[in-house]
Amino acid sequence: MTSKQPRKQRRERAKAPLHKRQKYLRAPLSKELREKYSKRNARPVKGDVVKVMRGDHAGTEGKVQSIDLARGDMTIDGVTVKKADGSEVARPIHPSNVQITKLYLKDRRREKCLKR
């Protein structure tokens, strides 16, 4: 970003294209994963096991169901909210409010990125 003004920085993040929004979606790694890969954070992907650290669902652990780049959030198994009609829907959570406890490493490209 080029400006120091918070107003313009917020605007740039809100209007950023999807390939730049990927960099904003980062979640901290657990202590064991930090030591293993020598990285503080990683981009969560579908299949990772994460632990919610903030909010009403703090302490809940579950797999990542989906990630929405456009909205900048993700849904997790077991993190739901009741609607007025009684049905339950997944509650979106920002990746900065979770901690990755187990990585989904079926993709070789991801393992290479982590070991870099």
N, C-alpha and C. Protein backbone atom coordinates (compact mmCIF):
# COMPACT_ATOMS: atom_id res chain seq x y z
N MET A 1 0.84 -1.18 0.00
CA MET A 1 0.00 0.00 0.00
C MET A 1 0.88 1.23 0.00
N THR A 2 0.39 2.25 -0.65
CA THR A 2 1.22 3.43 -0.81
C THR A 2 0.90 4.53 0.19
N SER A 3 -0.29 4.61 0.68
CA SER A 3 -0.68 5.70 1.56
C SER A 3 -0.51 5.33 3.03
N LYS A 4 -0.32 6.35 3.87
CA LYS A 4 -0.26 6.15 5.30
C LYS A 4 -1.63 6.38 5.95
N GLN A 5 -2.53 6.98 5.19
CA GLN A 5 -3.84 7.33 5.74
C GLN A 5 -4.69 6.08 5.96
N PRO A 6 -5.21 5.89 7.18
CA PRO A 6 -6.04 4.71 7.46
C PRO A 6 -7.25 4.61 6.54
N ARG A 7 -7.83 5.75 6.18
CA ARG A 7 -9.00 5.74 5.29
C ARG A 7 -8.66 5.09 3.96
N LYS A 8 -7.53 5.49 3.39
CA LYS A 8 -7.13 4.94 2.09
C LYS A 8 -6.66 3.50 2.22
N GLN A 9 -6.07 3.14 3.33
CA GLN A 9 -5.63 1.76 3.53
C GLN A 9 -6.83 0.82 3.62
N ARG A 10 -7.88 1.26 4.35
CA ARG A 10 -9.11 0.45 4.44
C ARG A 10 -9.74 0.29 3.07
N ARG A 11 -9.75 1.37 2.30
CA ARG A 11 -10.34 1.33 0.96
C ARG A 11 -9.58 0.36 0.06
N GLU A 12 -8.26 0.38 0.10
CA GLU A 12 -7.45 -0.51 -0.73
C GLU A 12 -7.69 -1.97 -0.38
N ARG A 13 -7.81 -2.27 0.92
CA ARG A 13 -8.08 -3.65 1.33
C ARG A 13 -9.46 -4.10 0.87
N ALA A 14 -10.44 -3.20 0.96
CA ALA A 14 -11.81 -3.54 0.59
C ALA A 14 -11.95 -3.74 -0.92
N LYS A 15 -11.17 -2.99 -1.71
CA LYS A 15 -11.29 -3.08 -3.16
C LYS A 15 -10.23 -3.97 -3.80
N ALA A 16 -9.43 -4.65 -2.99
CA ALA A 16 -8.33 -5.46 -3.51
C ALA A 16 -8.86 -6.63 -4.34
N PRO A 17 -8.15 -6.98 -5.43
CA PRO A 17 -8.56 -8.15 -6.21
C PRO A 17 -8.27 -9.43 -5.45
N LEU A 18 -8.89 -10.53 -5.89
CA LEU A 18 -8.81 -11.78 -5.15
C LEU A 18 -7.39 -12.30 -5.00
N HIS A 19 -6.53 -12.09 -5.99
CA HIS A 19 -5.17 -12.61 -5.87
C HIS A 19 -4.37 -11.88 -4.79
N LYS A 20 -4.77 -10.63 -4.46
CA LYS A 20 -4.12 -9.92 -3.37
C LYS A 20 -4.77 -10.24 -2.03
N ARG A 21 -6.06 -10.56 -2.05
CA ARG A 21 -6.77 -10.89 -0.82
C ARG A 21 -6.26 -12.17 -0.18
N GLN A 22 -5.65 -13.04 -0.98
CA GLN A 22 -5.11 -14.28 -0.43
C GLN A 22 -4.07 -13.99 0.64
N LYS A 23 -3.31 -12.93 0.47
CA LYS A 23 -2.26 -12.59 1.44
C LYS A 23 -2.86 -12.10 2.75
N TYR A 24 -4.07 -11.55 2.73
CA TYR A 24 -4.70 -11.07 3.95
C TYR A 24 -5.23 -12.21 4.80
N LEU A 25 -5.51 -13.36 4.18
CA LEU A 25 -6.09 -14.49 4.90
C LEU A 25 -4.97 -15.37 5.44
N ARG A 26 -4.45 -15.03 6.60
CA ARG A 26 -3.40 -15.80 7.24
C ARG A 26 -3.85 -16.13 8.66
N ALA A 27 -3.50 -17.34 9.11
CA ALA A 27 -3.84 -17.75 10.47
C ALA A 27 -2.56 -18.19 11.18
N PRO A 28 -2.43 -17.88 12.47
CA PRO A 28 -1.23 -18.30 13.19
C PRO A 28 -1.16 -19.81 13.35
N LEU A 29 0.05 -20.34 13.41
CA LEU A 29 0.27 -21.77 13.60
C LEU A 29 0.42 -22.07 15.09
N SER A 30 0.14 -23.32 15.49
CA SER A 30 0.35 -23.74 16.87
C SER A 30 1.84 -23.80 17.17
N LYS A 31 2.21 -23.90 18.44
CA LYS A 31 3.63 -23.88 18.81
C LYS A 31 4.40 -25.03 18.18
N GLU A 32 3.79 -26.22 18.12
CA GLU A 32 4.47 -27.38 17.54
C GLU A 32 4.75 -27.16 16.06
N LEU A 33 3.74 -26.63 15.33
CA LEU A 33 3.91 -26.38 13.90
C LEU A 33 4.90 -25.25 13.65
N ARG A 34 4.92 -24.26 14.54
CA ARG A 34 5.88 -23.16 14.42
C ARG A 34 7.31 -23.67 14.49
N GLU A 35 7.56 -24.56 15.45
CA GLU A 35 8.91 -25.11 15.60
C GLU A 35 9.28 -26.01 14.43
N LYS A 36 8.30 -26.77 13.94
CA LYS A 36 8.58 -27.72 12.86
C LYS A 36 8.89 -27.00 11.54
N TYR A 37 8.10 -25.97 11.21
CA TYR A 37 8.24 -25.31 9.91
C TYR A 37 8.95 -23.96 9.98
N SER A 38 9.27 -23.47 11.16
CA SER A 38 9.92 -22.17 11.35
C SER A 38 9.14 -21.03 10.70
N LYS A 39 7.81 -21.09 10.83
CA LYS A 39 6.92 -20.04 10.32
C LYS A 39 5.91 -19.70 11.40
N ARG A 40 5.51 -18.44 11.43
CA ARG A 40 4.51 -18.00 12.42
C ARG A 40 3.08 -18.25 11.96
N ASN A 41 2.84 -18.10 10.65
CA ASN A 41 1.47 -18.23 10.17
C ASN A 41 1.44 -18.88 8.79
N ALA A 42 0.25 -19.28 8.38
CA ALA A 42 0.07 -19.91 7.08
C ALA A 42 -1.34 -19.61 6.60
N ARG A 43 -1.56 -19.79 5.32
CA ARG A 43 -2.90 -19.59 4.77
C ARG A 43 -3.71 -20.86 5.04
N PRO A 44 -4.84 -20.74 5.73
CA PRO A 44 -5.65 -21.94 5.98
C PRO A 44 -6.29 -22.43 4.69
N VAL A 45 -6.38 -23.75 4.54
CA VAL A 45 -7.04 -24.36 3.39
C VAL A 45 -8.10 -25.33 3.88
N LYS A 46 -8.99 -25.70 3.00
CA LYS A 46 -10.04 -26.65 3.33
C LYS A 46 -9.40 -27.97 3.76
N GLY A 47 -9.77 -28.47 4.92
CA GLY A 47 -9.20 -29.70 5.44
C GLY A 47 -8.28 -29.50 6.63
N ASP A 48 -7.77 -28.28 6.84
CA ASP A 48 -6.95 -28.00 8.02
C ASP A 48 -7.81 -28.14 9.28
N VAL A 49 -7.16 -28.53 10.39
CA VAL A 49 -7.85 -28.54 11.68
C VAL A 49 -7.42 -27.27 12.41
N VAL A 50 -8.42 -26.49 12.83
CA VAL A 50 -8.14 -25.22 13.49
C VAL A 50 -8.85 -25.15 14.83
N LYS A 51 -8.33 -24.28 15.70
CA LYS A 51 -8.94 -24.04 17.00
C LYS A 51 -9.33 -22.57 17.07
N VAL A 52 -10.58 -22.30 17.43
CA VAL A 52 -11.06 -20.92 17.53
C VAL A 52 -10.50 -20.32 18.82
N MET A 53 -9.85 -19.16 18.69
CA MET A 53 -9.20 -18.53 19.84
C MET A 53 -9.98 -17.34 20.40
N ARG A 54 -10.85 -16.74 19.61
CA ARG A 54 -11.58 -15.54 20.04
C ARG A 54 -13.08 -15.71 19.77
N GLY A 55 -13.86 -14.96 20.51
CA GLY A 55 -15.29 -14.90 20.26
C GLY A 55 -16.09 -15.90 21.09
N ASP A 56 -17.37 -16.06 20.73
CA ASP A 56 -18.29 -16.92 21.47
C ASP A 56 -17.89 -18.39 21.39
N HIS A 57 -17.23 -18.78 20.32
CA HIS A 57 -16.88 -20.19 20.12
C HIS A 57 -15.43 -20.49 20.47
N ALA A 58 -14.81 -19.67 21.31
CA ALA A 58 -13.41 -19.86 21.68
C ALA A 58 -13.22 -21.23 22.31
N GLY A 59 -12.16 -21.93 21.86
CA GLY A 59 -11.87 -23.26 22.37
C GLY A 59 -12.40 -24.38 21.49
N THR A 60 -13.30 -24.06 20.57
CA THR A 60 -13.85 -25.07 19.67
C THR A 60 -12.82 -25.45 18.62
N GLU A 61 -12.71 -26.76 18.37
CA GLU A 61 -11.76 -27.24 17.37
C GLU A 61 -12.54 -27.98 16.30
N GLY A 62 -12.15 -27.76 15.04
CA GLY A 62 -12.84 -28.42 13.93
C GLY A 62 -12.12 -28.22 12.62
N LYS A 63 -12.60 -28.94 11.61
CA LYS A 63 -12.00 -28.84 10.28
C LYS A 63 -12.56 -27.63 9.54
N VAL A 64 -11.74 -27.07 8.66
CA VAL A 64 -12.18 -25.95 7.84
C VAL A 64 -13.09 -26.50 6.74
N GLN A 65 -14.32 -25.98 6.66
CA GLN A 65 -15.27 -26.40 5.64
C GLN A 65 -15.04 -25.65 4.34
N SER A 66 -14.94 -24.32 4.43
CA SER A 66 -14.79 -23.51 3.23
C SER A 66 -14.10 -22.20 3.58
N ILE A 67 -13.54 -21.58 2.54
CA ILE A 67 -12.89 -20.28 2.69
C ILE A 67 -13.45 -19.35 1.62
N ASP A 68 -13.86 -18.16 2.03
CA ASP A 68 -14.43 -17.19 1.10
C ASP A 68 -13.47 -16.01 0.97
N LEU A 69 -12.78 -15.93 -0.17
CA LEU A 69 -11.82 -14.85 -0.39
C LEU A 69 -12.51 -13.50 -0.51
N ALA A 70 -13.66 -13.48 -1.15
CA ALA A 70 -14.35 -12.21 -1.38
C ALA A 70 -14.77 -11.56 -0.07
N ARG A 71 -15.26 -12.36 0.88
CA ARG A 71 -15.69 -11.83 2.16
C ARG A 71 -14.57 -11.83 3.19
N GLY A 72 -13.53 -12.64 2.97
CA GLY A 72 -12.40 -12.67 3.88
C GLY A 72 -12.65 -13.46 5.14
N ASP A 73 -13.44 -14.53 5.04
CA ASP A 73 -13.69 -15.36 6.21
C ASP A 73 -13.76 -16.83 5.85
N MET A 74 -13.95 -17.67 6.86
CA MET A 74 -14.02 -19.11 6.63
C MET A 74 -15.03 -19.72 7.58
N THR A 75 -15.51 -20.93 7.22
CA THR A 75 -16.44 -21.65 8.07
C THR A 75 -15.77 -22.90 8.59
N ILE A 76 -16.14 -23.31 9.81
CA ILE A 76 -15.50 -24.42 10.51
C ILE A 76 -16.58 -25.38 11.00
N ASP A 77 -16.28 -26.68 10.94
CA ASP A 77 -17.20 -27.69 11.48
C ASP A 77 -17.43 -27.42 12.97
N GLY A 78 -18.67 -27.46 13.40
CA GLY A 78 -18.99 -27.29 14.82
C GLY A 78 -19.19 -25.85 15.26
N VAL A 79 -18.93 -24.90 14.40
CA VAL A 79 -19.14 -23.49 14.75
C VAL A 79 -20.39 -23.03 14.00
N THR A 80 -21.51 -23.08 14.69
CA THR A 80 -22.79 -22.74 14.08
C THR A 80 -23.52 -21.72 14.95
N VAL A 81 -24.54 -21.11 14.36
CA VAL A 81 -25.39 -20.17 15.08
C VAL A 81 -26.83 -20.50 14.71
N LYS A 82 -27.74 -20.37 15.69
CA LYS A 82 -29.15 -20.67 15.45
C LYS A 82 -29.85 -19.49 14.81
N LYS A 83 -30.67 -19.79 13.81
CA LYS A 83 -31.48 -18.75 13.18
C LYS A 83 -32.81 -18.64 13.92
N ALA A 84 -33.60 -17.66 13.56
CA ALA A 84 -34.88 -17.42 14.24
C ALA A 84 -35.84 -18.58 14.04
N ASP A 85 -35.76 -19.28 12.90
CA ASP A 85 -36.67 -20.40 12.65
C ASP A 85 -36.18 -21.70 13.28
N GLY A 86 -35.05 -21.68 14.00
CA GLY A 86 -34.55 -22.86 14.69
C GLY A 86 -33.46 -23.62 13.96
N SER A 87 -33.27 -23.33 12.69
CA SER A 87 -32.23 -24.05 11.94
C SER A 87 -30.86 -23.48 12.29
N GLU A 88 -29.84 -24.31 12.10
CA GLU A 88 -28.47 -23.88 12.39
C GLU A 88 -27.70 -23.69 11.10
N VAL A 89 -26.92 -22.62 11.04
CA VAL A 89 -26.08 -22.34 9.88
C VAL A 89 -24.65 -22.11 10.36
N ALA A 90 -23.69 -22.37 9.48
CA ALA A 90 -22.29 -22.17 9.82
C ALA A 90 -22.01 -20.69 10.02
N ARG A 91 -21.23 -20.38 11.05
CA ARG A 91 -20.91 -18.99 11.33
C ARG A 91 -19.54 -18.66 10.75
N PRO A 92 -19.44 -17.65 9.90
CA PRO A 92 -18.14 -17.29 9.33
C PRO A 92 -17.23 -16.67 10.39
N ILE A 93 -15.94 -17.03 10.31
CA ILE A 93 -14.94 -16.53 11.26
C ILE A 93 -13.73 -16.04 10.47
N HIS A 94 -13.15 -14.93 10.90
CA HIS A 94 -11.95 -14.41 10.24
C HIS A 94 -10.75 -15.28 10.62
N PRO A 95 -9.86 -15.59 9.67
CA PRO A 95 -8.72 -16.47 9.96
C PRO A 95 -7.78 -15.97 11.06
N SER A 96 -7.75 -14.67 11.33
CA SER A 96 -6.88 -14.17 12.38
C SER A 96 -7.37 -14.59 13.77
N ASN A 97 -8.61 -15.04 13.87
CA ASN A 97 -9.19 -15.43 15.16
C ASN A 97 -9.09 -16.93 15.42
N VAL A 98 -8.37 -17.65 14.58
CA VAL A 98 -8.20 -19.09 14.78
C VAL A 98 -6.70 -19.41 14.82
N GLN A 99 -6.40 -20.63 15.24
CA GLN A 99 -5.02 -21.12 15.26
C GLN A 99 -5.01 -22.48 14.57
N ILE A 100 -4.11 -22.64 13.60
CA ILE A 100 -4.01 -23.91 12.88
C ILE A 100 -3.29 -24.91 13.77
N THR A 101 -3.94 -26.05 14.05
CA THR A 101 -3.34 -27.07 14.90
C THR A 101 -2.85 -28.27 14.10
N LYS A 102 -3.47 -28.52 12.95
CA LYS A 102 -3.05 -29.63 12.10
C LYS A 102 -3.22 -29.22 10.64
N LEU A 103 -2.16 -29.40 9.87
CA LEU A 103 -2.18 -28.98 8.47
C LEU A 103 -2.66 -30.11 7.56
N TYR A 104 -3.37 -29.74 6.51
CA TYR A 104 -3.79 -30.68 5.48
C TYR A 104 -2.68 -30.69 4.43
N LEU A 105 -1.91 -31.79 4.38
CA LEU A 105 -0.72 -31.84 3.53
C LEU A 105 -0.86 -32.82 2.38
N LYS A 106 -2.04 -33.01 1.84
CA LYS A 106 -2.22 -33.89 0.67
C LYS A 106 -1.64 -33.24 -0.58
N ASP A 107 -1.52 -31.92 -0.56
CA ASP A 107 -0.99 -31.17 -1.70
C ASP A 107 0.51 -30.99 -1.51
N ARG A 108 1.32 -31.55 -2.42
CA ARG A 108 2.78 -31.45 -2.31
C ARG A 108 3.27 -30.01 -2.43
N ARG A 109 2.57 -29.21 -3.20
CA ARG A 109 2.96 -27.82 -3.39
C ARG A 109 2.91 -27.05 -2.05
N ARG A 110 1.93 -27.36 -1.24
CA ARG A 110 1.80 -26.68 0.04
C ARG A 110 2.95 -27.06 0.98
N GLU A 111 3.32 -28.32 0.96
CA GLU A 111 4.43 -28.77 1.81
C GLU A 111 5.73 -28.06 1.41
N LYS A 112 5.93 -27.87 0.10
CA LYS A 112 7.12 -27.15 -0.38
C LYS A 112 7.12 -25.71 0.12
N CYS A 113 5.96 -25.07 0.07
CA CYS A 113 5.84 -23.68 0.52
C CYS A 113 6.17 -23.55 2.00
N LEU A 114 5.73 -24.52 2.80
CA LEU A 114 5.97 -24.46 4.23
C LEU A 114 7.44 -24.70 4.58
N LYS A 115 8.11 -25.53 3.80
CA LYS A 115 9.51 -25.85 4.10
C LYS A 115 10.48 -24.81 3.53
N ARG A 116 10.00 -23.88 2.71
CA ARG A 116 10.85 -22.84 2.15
C ARG A 116 11.47 -21.98 3.21
